[in-house]
Amino acid sequence: MQISAAAVKELRERSGAGMMECKNALVATSGELEAALEYLRKSGAAKAAKKAGRIAAEGAVVVAESTGFACVVEINSETDFAANDENFTQFALAVATTVLDARPADVEALLALPLAGTKESVESARQQLILKIGENISIRRFDVRLAGGGVIGTYRHGKRIGVLVTLEGGDAELAKEIAMHVAASNPMCITDAEVPAELLAKEREIRVAQAATSGKSPEIVEKMITGQLRKFVGEISLLGQPFVKDPDTTVGKLLTARKARATGFVRYEVGEGIEKKSVDFAEEVKAQARAAD
């Protein structure tokens, strides 16, 4: 049947799909716009499934706040280019709002919820975004923090790092400064007592091996190692780190001076822990050229 250019244009604007995909969908549904939209959504789900195995290690971290609550969400794409797409940005913000409003138990529960501002599920919206952008999109993780009578500080560094910090005492300004510090210094835990014993044992083992050929007495070696471990613990625990805005004082001393105590923090950085695929750009271009022949 004859499909008008206006119908194709309207379907393309509503779905974000390619022109030929829209035309084929209209042909398959006898020109019915709503049926064609549903057709594209179903085919989009199929395409999304095909892309699900592709590594998505780029993306964005989004931070959202409301009275007494804050959340941080990581949403991944395959390329940084896709993460800068307006559709991706709008989806990420809507997902963060959904998390903040509903506070789901996990990502699976989140995917089943209606996306904020829409009637469709988060999962359906994710699949539609894959159809529009042409890349695998995944919601990797999120965290929600409650002020609990204290203060929440948030900080987002570009699109790649997001931090939430909770304090007992202090004020919003201090909480934000601590969040900025966490973004910059990436502590592992709040206090030295929280450093995992296995990590300390491994660090000690490494330093003992390094000192084995030093020729120093066992007593001197032990003092050296003890000092090195003390410095190591200070470098990875929040309270022991030099405050980024004033390296002459530690975060612990700053909080004590302001009559505040850090009760928790979470720091997300895009793609951390995801093994990224190494791509030879020249070979990728050649492969695309061969495929086009």
C-alpha atoms as a PDB file:
ATOM      1  CA  MET A   1       0.000   0.000   0.000  1.00  0.00           C
ATOM      2  CA  GLN A   2       1.018   3.637  -0.456  1.00  0.00           C
ATOM      3  CA  ILE A   3       2.492   5.213   2.691  1.00  0.00           C
ATOM      4  CA  SER A   4       2.628   9.012   2.794  1.00  0.00           C
ATOM      5  CA  ALA A   5       5.802  10.879   3.681  1.00  0.00           C
ATOM      6  CA  ALA A   6       3.856  12.776   6.344  1.00  0.00           C
ATOM      7  CA  ALA A   7       2.924   9.521   8.096  1.00  0.00           C
ATOM      8  CA  VAL A   8       6.527   8.332   8.020  1.00  0.00           C
ATOM      9  CA  LYS A   9       7.689  11.697   9.385  1.00  0.00           C
ATOM     10  CA  GLU A  10       5.185  11.643  12.241  1.00  0.00           C
ATOM     11  CA  LEU A  11       6.068   8.086  13.220  1.00  0.00           C
ATOM     12  CA  ARG A  12       9.747   8.911  13.086  1.00  0.00           C
ATOM     13  CA  GLU A  13       9.274  11.925  15.362  1.00  0.00           C
ATOM     14  CA  ARG A  14       7.255   9.893  17.865  1.00  0.00           C
ATOM     15  CA  SER A  15       9.481   6.828  17.891  1.00  0.00           C
ATOM     16  CA  GLY A  16      12.946   8.121  17.080  1.00  0.00           C
ATOM     17  CA  ALA A  17      13.414   5.150  14.748  1.00  0.00           C
ATOM     18  CA  GLY A  18      15.009   5.363  11.301  1.00  0.00           C
ATOM     19  CA  MET A  19      13.010   6.388   8.232  1.00  0.00           C
ATOM     20  CA  MET A  20      13.004   2.957   6.599  1.00  0.00           C
ATOM     21  CA  GLU A  21      12.095   1.268   9.888  1.00  0.00           C
ATOM     22  CA  CYS A  22       9.134   3.629  10.180  1.00  0.00           C
ATOM     23  CA  LYS A  23       8.008   3.011   6.609  1.00  0.00           C
ATOM     24  CA  ASN A  24       8.260  -0.768   7.026  1.00  0.00           C
ATOM     25  CA  ALA A  25       6.301  -0.585  10.278  1.00  0.00           C
ATOM     26  CA  LEU A  26       3.521   1.399   8.596  1.00  0.00           C
ATOM     27  CA  VAL A  27       3.390  -1.061   5.688  1.00  0.00           C
ATOM     28  CA  ALA A  28       3.200  -3.978   8.135  1.00  0.00           C
ATOM     29  CA  THR A  29       0.299  -2.348  10.013  1.00  0.00           C
ATOM     30  CA  SER A  30      -1.667  -1.072   6.995  1.00  0.00           C
ATOM     31  CA  GLY A  31      -0.789   2.541   7.765  1.00  0.00           C
ATOM     32  CA  GLU A  32      -2.218   2.572  11.299  1.00  0.00           C
ATOM     33  CA  LEU A  33       0.000   4.962  13.249  1.00  0.00           C
ATOM     34  CA  GLU A  34      -0.610   3.601  16.752  1.00  0.00           C
ATOM     35  CA  ALA A  35      -0.232   0.020  15.565  1.00  0.00           C
ATOM     36  CA  ALA A  36       2.977   0.969  13.773  1.00  0.00           C
ATOM     37  CA  LEU A  37       4.302   2.564  16.947  1.00  0.00           C
ATOM     38  CA  GLU A  38       3.579  -0.640  18.844  1.00  0.00           C
ATOM     39  CA  TYR A  39       5.203  -2.632  16.044  1.00  0.00           C
ATOM     40  CA  LEU A  40       8.358  -0.551  16.372  1.00  0.00           C
ATOM     41  CA  ARG A  41       8.363  -0.948  20.126  1.00  0.00           C
ATOM     42  CA  LYS A  42       8.213  -4.704  19.755  1.00  0.00           C
ATOM     43  CA  SER A  43      10.963  -4.724  17.154  1.00  0.00           C
ATOM     44  CA  GLY A  44      12.922  -2.355  19.373  1.00  0.00           C
ATOM     45  CA  ALA A  45      12.734  -4.883  22.189  1.00  0.00           C
ATOM     46  CA  ALA A  46      14.154  -7.474  19.826  1.00  0.00           C
ATOM     47  CA  LYS A  47      16.982  -5.169  18.832  1.00  0.00           C
ATOM     48  CA  ALA A  48      17.608  -4.318  22.458  1.00  0.00           C
ATOM     49  CA  ALA A  49      18.000  -8.006  23.220  1.00  0.00           C
ATOM     50  CA  LYS A  50      20.577  -8.339  20.431  1.00  0.00           C
ATOM     51  CA  LYS A  51      22.567  -5.421  21.853  1.00  0.00           C
ATOM     52  CA  ALA A  52      22.372  -6.619  25.451  1.00  0.00           C
ATOM     53  CA  GLY A  53      25.637  -8.544  25.227  1.00  0.00           C
ATOM     54  CA  ARG A  54      27.647  -5.541  24.075  1.00  0.00           C
ATOM     55  CA  ILE A  55      29.872  -3.875  26.664  1.00  0.00           C
ATOM     56  CA  ALA A  56      28.454  -0.632  28.039  1.00  0.00           C
ATOM     57  CA  ALA A  57      31.213   1.014  30.070  1.00  0.00           C
ATOM     58  CA  GLU A  58      30.556   4.681  29.277  1.00  0.00           C
ATOM     59  CA  GLY A  59      27.492   6.654  30.323  1.00  0.00           C
ATOM     60  CA  ALA A  60      26.611   9.031  33.132  1.00  0.00           C
ATOM     61  CA  VAL A  61      26.146   9.256  36.865  1.00  0.00           C
ATOM     62  CA  VAL A  62      23.093  11.263  37.964  1.00  0.00           C
ATOM     63  CA  VAL A  63      22.407  12.711  41.410  1.00  0.00           C
ATOM     64  CA  ALA A  64      18.928  13.743  42.565  1.00  0.00           C
ATOM     65  CA  GLU A  65      17.675  15.229  45.834  1.00  0.00           C
ATOM     66  CA  SER A  66      14.426  15.808  47.706  1.00  0.00           C
ATOM     67  CA  THR A  67      13.659  16.723  51.302  1.00  0.00           C
ATOM     68  CA  GLY A  68      15.505  14.250  53.505  1.00  0.00           C
ATOM     69  CA  PHE A  69      16.566  11.979  50.653  1.00  0.00           C
ATOM     70  CA  ALA A  70      19.156  11.847  47.893  1.00  0.00           C
ATOM     71  CA  CYS A  71      20.097   9.248  45.302  1.00  0.00           C
ATOM     72  CA  VAL A  72      22.872   8.524  42.853  1.00  0.00           C
ATOM     73  CA  VAL A  73      22.346   6.398  39.726  1.00  0.00           C
ATOM     74  CA  GLU A  74      24.767   5.032  37.124  1.00  0.00           C
ATOM     75  CA  ILE A  75      23.416   4.454  33.624  1.00  0.00           C
ATOM     76  CA  ASN A  76      25.746   3.045  30.987  1.00  0.00           C
ATOM     77  CA  SER A  77      26.090   3.316  27.235  1.00  0.00           C
ATOM     78  CA  GLU A  78      28.661   1.913  24.834  1.00  0.00           C
ATOM     79  CA  THR A  79      30.159   5.285  23.894  1.00  0.00           C
ATOM     80  CA  ASP A  80      30.589   8.708  25.450  1.00  0.00           C
ATOM     81  CA  PHE A  81      28.943  10.142  22.340  1.00  0.00           C
ATOM     82  CA  ALA A  82      25.699   8.359  23.184  1.00  0.00           C
ATOM     83  CA  ALA A  83      25.929   9.518  26.813  1.00  0.00           C
ATOM     84  CA  ASN A  84      25.845  13.118  25.573  1.00  0.00           C
ATOM     85  CA  ASP A  85      22.697  12.517  23.510  1.00  0.00           C
ATOM     86  CA  GLU A  86      19.726  14.563  24.734  1.00  0.00           C
ATOM     87  CA  ASN A  87      17.480  11.487  24.785  1.00  0.00           C
ATOM     88  CA  PHE A  88      19.974   9.656  27.012  1.00  0.00           C
ATOM     89  CA  THR A  89      20.234  12.653  29.351  1.00  0.00           C
ATOM     90  CA  GLN A  90      16.457  12.963  29.696  1.00  0.00           C
ATOM     91  CA  PHE A  91      16.114   9.228  30.360  1.00  0.00           C
ATOM     92  CA  ALA A  92      18.861   9.302  32.998  1.00  0.00           C
ATOM     93  CA  LEU A  93      17.223  12.219  34.824  1.00  0.00           C
ATOM     94  CA  ALA A  94      13.826  10.506  34.714  1.00  0.00           C
ATOM     95  CA  VAL A  95      15.317   7.284  36.090  1.00  0.00           C
ATOM     96  CA  ALA A  96      16.923   9.206  38.973  1.00  0.00           C
ATOM     97  CA  THR A  97      13.583  10.849  39.739  1.00  0.00           C
ATOM     98  CA  THR A  98      11.897   7.436  39.702  1.00  0.00           C
ATOM     99  CA  VAL A  99      14.481   6.069  42.144  1.00  0.00           C
ATOM    100  CA  LEU A 100      14.062   9.046  44.442  1.00  0.00           C
ATOM    101  CA  ASP A 101      10.267   8.891  44.397  1.00  0.00           C
ATOM    102  CA  ALA A 102       9.799   5.110  44.673  1.00  0.00           C
ATOM    103  CA  ARG A 103      13.042   3.990  46.366  1.00  0.00           C
ATOM    104  CA  PRO A 104      12.944   0.482  44.815  1.00  0.00           C
ATOM    105  CA  ALA A 105      14.823  -2.406  46.397  1.00  0.00           C
ATOM    106  CA  ASP A 106      17.067  -3.111  43.407  1.00  0.00           C
ATOM    107  CA  VAL A 107      17.531  -2.540  39.676  1.00  0.00           C
ATOM    108  CA  GLU A 108      15.114  -5.339  38.769  1.00  0.00           C
ATOM    109  CA  ALA A 109      12.362  -3.685  40.830  1.00  0.00           C
ATOM    110  CA  LEU A 110      13.231  -0.311  39.302  1.00  0.00           C
ATOM    111  CA  LEU A 111      12.842  -1.616  35.748  1.00  0.00           C
ATOM    112  CA  ALA A 112       9.258  -2.681  36.471  1.00  0.00           C
ATOM    113  CA  LEU A 113       8.225   0.751  37.780  1.00  0.00           C
ATOM    114  CA  PRO A 114       6.598   3.467  35.653  1.00  0.00           C
ATOM    115  CA  LEU A 115       9.257   5.907  34.482  1.00  0.00           C
ATOM    116  CA  ALA A 116       8.745   9.324  36.091  1.00  0.00           C
ATOM    117  CA  GLY A 117       6.564  11.555  33.923  1.00  0.00           C
ATOM    118  CA  THR A 118       5.352   8.686  31.723  1.00  0.00           C
ATOM    119  CA  LYS A 119       2.972   5.740  31.786  1.00  0.00           C
ATOM    120  CA  GLU A 120       5.480   3.237  30.412  1.00  0.00           C
ATOM    121  CA  SER A 121       7.836   1.140  32.496  1.00  0.00           C
ATOM    122  CA  VAL A 122      11.479   2.016  32.977  1.00  0.00           C
ATOM    123  CA  GLU A 123      12.392  -1.159  31.065  1.00  0.00           C
ATOM    124  CA  SER A 124      10.164  -0.235  28.121  1.00  0.00           C
ATOM    125  CA  ALA A 125      11.667   3.248  28.032  1.00  0.00           C
ATOM    126  CA  ARG A 126      15.157   1.747  28.146  1.00  0.00           C
ATOM    127  CA  GLN A 127      14.426  -0.464  25.160  1.00  0.00           C
ATOM    128  CA  GLN A 128      13.017   2.486  23.243  1.00  0.00           C
ATOM    129  CA  LEU A 129      16.172   4.449  23.990  1.00  0.00           C
ATOM    130  CA  ILE A 130      18.253   1.595  22.565  1.00  0.00           C
ATOM    131  CA  LEU A 131      16.142   1.779  19.420  1.00  0.00           C
ATOM    132  CA  LYS A 132      16.698   5.534  19.132  1.00  0.00           C
ATOM    133  CA  ILE A 133      20.405   5.639  19.936  1.00  0.00           C
ATOM    134  CA  GLY A 134      21.488   2.287  18.511  1.00  0.00           C
ATOM    135  CA  GLU A 135      23.618   1.285  21.485  1.00  0.00           C
ATOM    136  CA  ASN A 136      23.230  -0.996  24.477  1.00  0.00           C
ATOM    137  CA  ILE A 137      21.919   1.047  27.419  1.00  0.00           C
ATOM    138  CA  SER A 138      21.871  -0.396  30.925  1.00  0.00           C
ATOM    139  CA  ILE A 139      20.962   0.807  34.396  1.00  0.00           C
ATOM    140  CA  ARG A 140      23.871  -0.555  36.385  1.00  0.00           C
ATOM    141  CA  ARG A 141      23.252   0.521  39.983  1.00  0.00           C
ATOM    142  CA  PHE A 142      21.785   3.101  42.321  1.00  0.00           C
ATOM    143  CA  ASP A 143      21.975   4.111  45.960  1.00  0.00           C
ATOM    144  CA  VAL A 144      19.510   6.058  48.089  1.00  0.00           C
ATOM    145  CA  ARG A 145      20.534   7.835  51.292  1.00  0.00           C
ATOM    146  CA  LEU A 146      18.298   9.135  54.069  1.00  0.00           C
ATOM    147  CA  ALA A 147      19.283  12.168  56.126  1.00  0.00           C
ATOM    148  CA  GLY A 148      17.861  10.510  59.239  1.00  0.00           C
ATOM    149  CA  GLY A 149      17.932  13.679  61.305  1.00  0.00           C
ATOM    150  CA  GLY A 150      21.345  14.651  59.926  1.00  0.00           C
ATOM    151  CA  VAL A 151      22.527  16.324  56.746  1.00  0.00           C
ATOM    152  CA  ILE A 152      22.994  14.997  53.200  1.00  0.00           C
ATOM    153  CA  GLY A 153      25.649  16.422  50.919  1.00  0.00           C
ATOM    154  CA  THR A 154      25.715  15.723  47.175  1.00  0.00           C
ATOM    155  CA  TYR A 155      28.236  16.459  44.470  1.00  0.00           C
ATOM    156  CA  ARG A 156      28.424  15.636  40.792  1.00  0.00           C
ATOM    157  CA  HIS A 157      31.659  16.111  38.896  1.00  0.00           C
ATOM    158  CA  GLY A 158      30.752  16.431  35.232  1.00  0.00           C
ATOM    159  CA  LYS A 159      28.783  13.384  34.168  1.00  0.00           C
ATOM    160  CA  ARG A 160      31.234  10.786  35.388  1.00  0.00           C
ATOM    161  CA  ILE A 161      31.368  11.009  39.198  1.00  0.00           C
ATOM    162  CA  GLY A 162      28.551  11.322  41.718  1.00  0.00           C
ATOM    163  CA  VAL A 163      28.797  11.367  45.513  1.00  0.00           C
ATOM    164  CA  LEU A 164      26.377  11.276  48.442  1.00  0.00           C
ATOM    165  CA  VAL A 165      27.570  11.993  51.997  1.00  0.00           C
ATOM    166  CA  THR A 166      25.587  11.829  55.243  1.00  0.00           C
ATOM    167  CA  LEU A 167      26.652  13.743  58.340  1.00  0.00           C
ATOM    168  CA  GLU A 168      25.477  13.858  61.912  1.00  0.00           C
ATOM    169  CA  GLY A 169      25.769  17.514  62.891  1.00  0.00           C
ATOM    170  CA  GLY A 170      27.344  20.119  60.668  1.00  0.00           C
ATOM    171  CA  ASP A 171      25.402  21.815  57.900  1.00  0.00           C
ATOM    172  CA  ALA A 172      24.602  21.537  54.196  1.00  0.00           C
ATOM    173  CA  GLU A 173      27.692  23.525  53.177  1.00  0.00           C
ATOM    174  CA  LEU A 174      30.028  21.233  55.125  1.00  0.00           C
ATOM    175  CA  ALA A 175      28.295  18.124  53.766  1.00  0.00           C
ATOM    176  CA  LYS A 176      28.798  19.352  50.191  1.00  0.00           C
ATOM    177  CA  GLU A 177      32.472  20.101  50.866  1.00  0.00           C
ATOM    178  CA  ILE A 178      32.973  16.569  52.187  1.00  0.00           C
ATOM    179  CA  ALA A 179      31.169  15.190  49.113  1.00  0.00           C
ATOM    180  CA  MET A 180      33.544  17.172  46.881  1.00  0.00           C
ATOM    181  CA  HIS A 181      36.474  15.753  48.838  1.00  0.00           C
ATOM    182  CA  VAL A 182      35.186  12.188  48.382  1.00  0.00           C
ATOM    183  CA  ALA A 183      34.842  12.794  44.637  1.00  0.00           C
ATOM    184  CA  ALA A 184      38.457  13.963  44.425  1.00  0.00           C
ATOM    185  CA  SER A 185      40.164  11.592  46.882  1.00  0.00           C
ATOM    186  CA  ASN A 186      38.090   8.414  46.525  1.00  0.00           C
ATOM    187  CA  PRO A 187      38.398   7.012  50.082  1.00  0.00           C
ATOM    188  CA  MET A 188      37.618   3.341  50.647  1.00  0.00           C
ATOM    189  CA  CYS A 189      35.950   3.758  54.030  1.00  0.00           C
ATOM    190  CA  ILE A 190      35.276   6.322  56.766  1.00  0.00           C
ATOM    191  CA  THR A 191      37.647   5.211  59.563  1.00  0.00           C
ATOM    192  CA  ASP A 192      40.859   3.197  59.722  1.00  0.00           C
ATOM    193  CA  ALA A 193      39.003   0.562  61.750  1.00  0.00           C
ATOM    194  CA  GLU A 194      36.877  -0.180  58.668  1.00  0.00           C
ATOM    195  CA  VAL A 195      39.835  -1.074  56.432  1.00  0.00           C
ATOM    196  CA  PRO A 196      39.451  -4.803  55.608  1.00  0.00           C
ATOM    197  CA  ALA A 197      41.839  -7.036  57.545  1.00  0.00           C
ATOM    198  CA  GLU A 198      42.599  -9.036  54.376  1.00  0.00           C
ATOM    199  CA  LEU A 199      43.750  -5.861  52.610  1.00  0.00           C
ATOM    200  CA  LEU A 200      46.045  -4.924  55.492  1.00  0.00           C
ATOM    201  CA  ALA A 201      47.472  -8.455  55.566  1.00  0.00           C
ATOM    202  CA  LYS A 202      48.186  -8.306  51.835  1.00  0.00           C
ATOM    203  CA  GLU A 203      49.826  -4.878  52.124  1.00  0.00           C
ATOM    204  CA  ARG A 204      51.963  -6.099  55.016  1.00  0.00           C
ATOM    205  CA  GLU A 205      53.002  -9.162  53.004  1.00  0.00           C
ATOM    206  CA  ILE A 206      54.093  -6.971  50.088  1.00  0.00           C
ATOM    207  CA  ARG A 207      56.101  -4.645  52.312  1.00  0.00           C
ATOM    208  CA  VAL A 208      57.774  -7.525  54.155  1.00  0.00           C
ATOM    209  CA  ALA A 209      58.888  -8.946  50.795  1.00  0.00           C
ATOM    210  CA  GLN A 210      60.204  -5.533  49.722  1.00  0.00           C
ATOM    211  CA  ALA A 211      62.172  -5.142  52.976  1.00  0.00           C
ATOM    212  CA  ALA A 212      63.635  -8.652  52.882  1.00  0.00           C
ATOM    213  CA  THR A 213      66.745  -7.536  50.975  1.00  0.00           C
ATOM    214  CA  SER A 214      67.195  -4.213  52.770  1.00  0.00           C
ATOM    215  CA  GLY A 215      69.806  -5.565  55.166  1.00  0.00           C
ATOM    216  CA  LYS A 216      68.149  -3.823  58.099  1.00  0.00           C
ATOM    217  CA  SER A 217      67.492  -5.521  61.402  1.00  0.00           C
ATOM    218  CA  PRO A 218      64.079  -7.145  62.000  1.00  0.00           C
ATOM    219  CA  GLU A 219      63.260  -4.477  64.592  1.00  0.00           C
ATOM    220  CA  ILE A 220      63.945  -1.615  62.159  1.00  0.00           C
ATOM    221  CA  VAL A 221      62.054  -3.400  59.378  1.00  0.00           C
ATOM    222  CA  GLU A 222      59.017  -3.828  61.656  1.00  0.00           C
ATOM    223  CA  LYS A 223      59.031  -0.128  62.543  1.00  0.00           C
ATOM    224  CA  MET A 224      59.294   0.785  58.857  1.00  0.00           C
ATOM    225  CA  ILE A 225      56.418  -1.474  57.913  1.00  0.00           C
ATOM    226  CA  THR A 226      54.252  -0.224  60.774  1.00  0.00           C
ATOM    227  CA  GLY A 227      54.800   3.359  59.673  1.00  0.00           C
ATOM    228  CA  GLN A 228      54.102   2.533  56.030  1.00  0.00           C
ATOM    229  CA  LEU A 229      50.862   0.754  56.914  1.00  0.00           C
ATOM    230  CA  ARG A 230      49.767   3.664  59.106  1.00  0.00           C
ATOM    231  CA  LYS A 231      50.297   6.014  56.150  1.00  0.00           C
ATOM    232  CA  PHE A 232      48.484   3.620  53.796  1.00  0.00           C
ATOM    233  CA  VAL A 233      45.452   3.425  56.098  1.00  0.00           C
ATOM    234  CA  GLY A 234      45.337   7.214  56.352  1.00  0.00           C
ATOM    235  CA  GLU A 235      45.392   7.532  52.578  1.00  0.00           C
ATOM    236  CA  ILE A 236      42.392   5.272  52.022  1.00  0.00           C
ATOM    237  CA  SER A 237      40.175   6.218  55.009  1.00  0.00           C
ATOM    238  CA  LEU A 238      38.126   9.412  54.784  1.00  0.00           C
ATOM    239  CA  LEU A 239      38.948  10.765  58.240  1.00  0.00           C
ATOM    240  CA  GLY A 240      42.682  10.275  57.752  1.00  0.00           C
ATOM    241  CA  GLN A 241      42.939  11.983  54.361  1.00  0.00           C
ATOM    242  CA  PRO A 242      44.218  15.567  54.008  1.00  0.00           C
ATOM    243  CA  PHE A 243      41.208  17.742  53.206  1.00  0.00           C
ATOM    244  CA  VAL A 244      41.390  18.733  49.520  1.00  0.00           C
ATOM    245  CA  LYS A 245      40.610  22.401  50.196  1.00  0.00           C
ATOM    246  CA  ASP A 246      43.103  22.615  53.072  1.00  0.00           C
ATOM    247  CA  PRO A 247      45.773  19.865  52.982  1.00  0.00           C
ATOM    248  CA  ASP A 248      47.194  21.105  56.309  1.00  0.00           C
ATOM    249  CA  THR A 249      44.260  19.506  58.122  1.00  0.00           C
ATOM    250  CA  THR A 250      42.619  16.092  57.830  1.00  0.00           C
ATOM    251  CA  VAL A 251      38.960  15.490  57.131  1.00  0.00           C
ATOM    252  CA  GLY A 252      38.660  14.023  60.633  1.00  0.00           C
ATOM    253  CA  LYS A 253      40.002  17.194  62.263  1.00  0.00           C
ATOM    254  CA  LEU A 254      37.773  19.359  60.072  1.00  0.00           C
ATOM    255  CA  LEU A 255      34.659  17.449  61.109  1.00  0.00           C
ATOM    256  CA  THR A 256      35.629  17.565  64.782  1.00  0.00           C
ATOM    257  CA  ALA A 257      36.159  21.328  64.585  1.00  0.00           C
ATOM    258  CA  ARG A 258      32.718  21.729  63.015  1.00  0.00           C
ATOM    259  CA  LYS A 259      31.101  19.381  65.575  1.00  0.00           C
ATOM    260  CA  ALA A 260      30.091  16.908  62.883  1.00  0.00           C
ATOM    261  CA  ARG A 261      30.515  13.190  62.238  1.00  0.00           C
ATOM    262  CA  ALA A 262      30.509  11.360  58.913  1.00  0.00           C
ATOM    263  CA  THR A 263      27.977   8.528  59.034  1.00  0.00           C
ATOM    264  CA  GLY A 264      28.193   7.289  55.457  1.00  0.00           C
ATOM    265  CA  PHE A 265      29.106   8.000  51.850  1.00  0.00           C
ATOM    266  CA  VAL A 266      28.790   6.487  48.407  1.00  0.00           C
ATOM    267  CA  ARG A 267      30.869   7.381  45.353  1.00  0.00           C
ATOM    268  CA  TYR A 268      30.025   6.234  41.823  1.00  0.00           C
ATOM    269  CA  GLU A 269      32.317   6.678  38.863  1.00  0.00           C
ATOM    270  CA  VAL A 270      31.173   5.728  35.378  1.00  0.00           C
ATOM    271  CA  GLY A 271      32.459   2.355  34.250  1.00  0.00           C
ATOM    272  CA  GLU A 272      34.567   1.559  37.322  1.00  0.00           C
ATOM    273  CA  GLY A 273      35.120  -2.181  37.538  1.00  0.00           C
ATOM    274  CA  ILE A 274      33.823  -2.832  34.015  1.00  0.00           C
ATOM    275  CA  GLU A 275      36.351  -4.407  31.671  1.00  0.00           C
ATOM    276  CA  LYS A 276      36.353  -2.212  28.607  1.00  0.00           C
ATOM    277  CA  LYS A 277      36.870  -3.530  25.113  1.00  0.00           C
ATOM    278  CA  SER A 278      40.028  -2.259  23.436  1.00  0.00           C
ATOM    279  CA  VAL A 279      39.193  -0.956  19.977  1.00  0.00           C
ATOM    280  CA  ASP A 280      41.608  -0.247  17.138  1.00  0.00           C
ATOM    281  CA  PHE A 281      39.879   2.719  15.479  1.00  0.00           C
ATOM    282  CA  ALA A 282      41.600   2.244  12.117  1.00  0.00           C
ATOM    283  CA  GLU A 283      40.633  -1.426  12.010  1.00  0.00           C
ATOM    284  CA  GLU A 284      37.076  -0.564  13.014  1.00  0.00           C
ATOM    285  CA  VAL A 285      36.777   1.887  10.091  1.00  0.00           C
ATOM    286  CA  LYS A 286      38.219  -0.694   7.692  1.00  0.00           C
ATOM    287  CA  ALA A 287      35.758  -3.318   8.937  1.00  0.00           C
ATOM    288  CA  GLN A 288      32.839  -0.938   8.393  1.00  0.00           C
ATOM    289  CA  ALA A 289      34.108  -0.121   4.898  1.00  0.00           C
ATOM    290  CA  ARG A 290      34.390  -3.843   4.038  1.00  0.00           C
ATOM    291  CA  ALA A 291      30.868  -4.445   5.349  1.00  0.00           C
ATOM    292  CA  ALA A 292      29.538  -1.646   3.130  1.00  0.00           C
ATOM    293  CA  ASP A 293      31.010  -3.188  -0.043  1.00  0.00           C
END
